[in-house]
């Protein structure tokens, strides 16, 4: 197949402009996160359920905070991969049924996962990232109405951030 020069130039121009044509392309991270989002939500919801002294994962939008934080260009790629792979491993261990398990079954599954070195590290990372959301400034999308701070009787530092993330 032979392409004429003019067709080549037009095609090249269109390809060069494609990022600016407002086409929504799902990047690799977005796709991978979507695959494990329900599992991450189920884990965070189990760790921070409704009715506890600390605000719930649902009330704090912890899974959305996790996504927003991890998709930022400055977020560590290795941690991002670890979070995704750990959730996939949990799904695999529980034959895709973790999200629909009862609270007791989830507790048993998470305790068993915690007994592995990998699972223990992964659960620790999820706990850390979830708590970062709960106690961060509300500008980052979690700690709704400063509920995390209020639960501890403590407040963030001053001056408070004016923008969500530094652009650099």
Foldseek 3Di string as FASTA:
>chain_A
DDDDPVRVVVVVVCVVCVVVPPDDDQDPLNVLCVVQLLLLLLLQCLVAPPPDLAHGCVQFVLSVLVVLVCVDPVHDPVVSVLLSVLSVVLCVVVVNCLSVDDSVVVVVSLVVLCVDPSSVVNSVSSVVSSVCSCQPPCLSPGCVVVRSCVSVVHHDDPPHDPHNDDDD
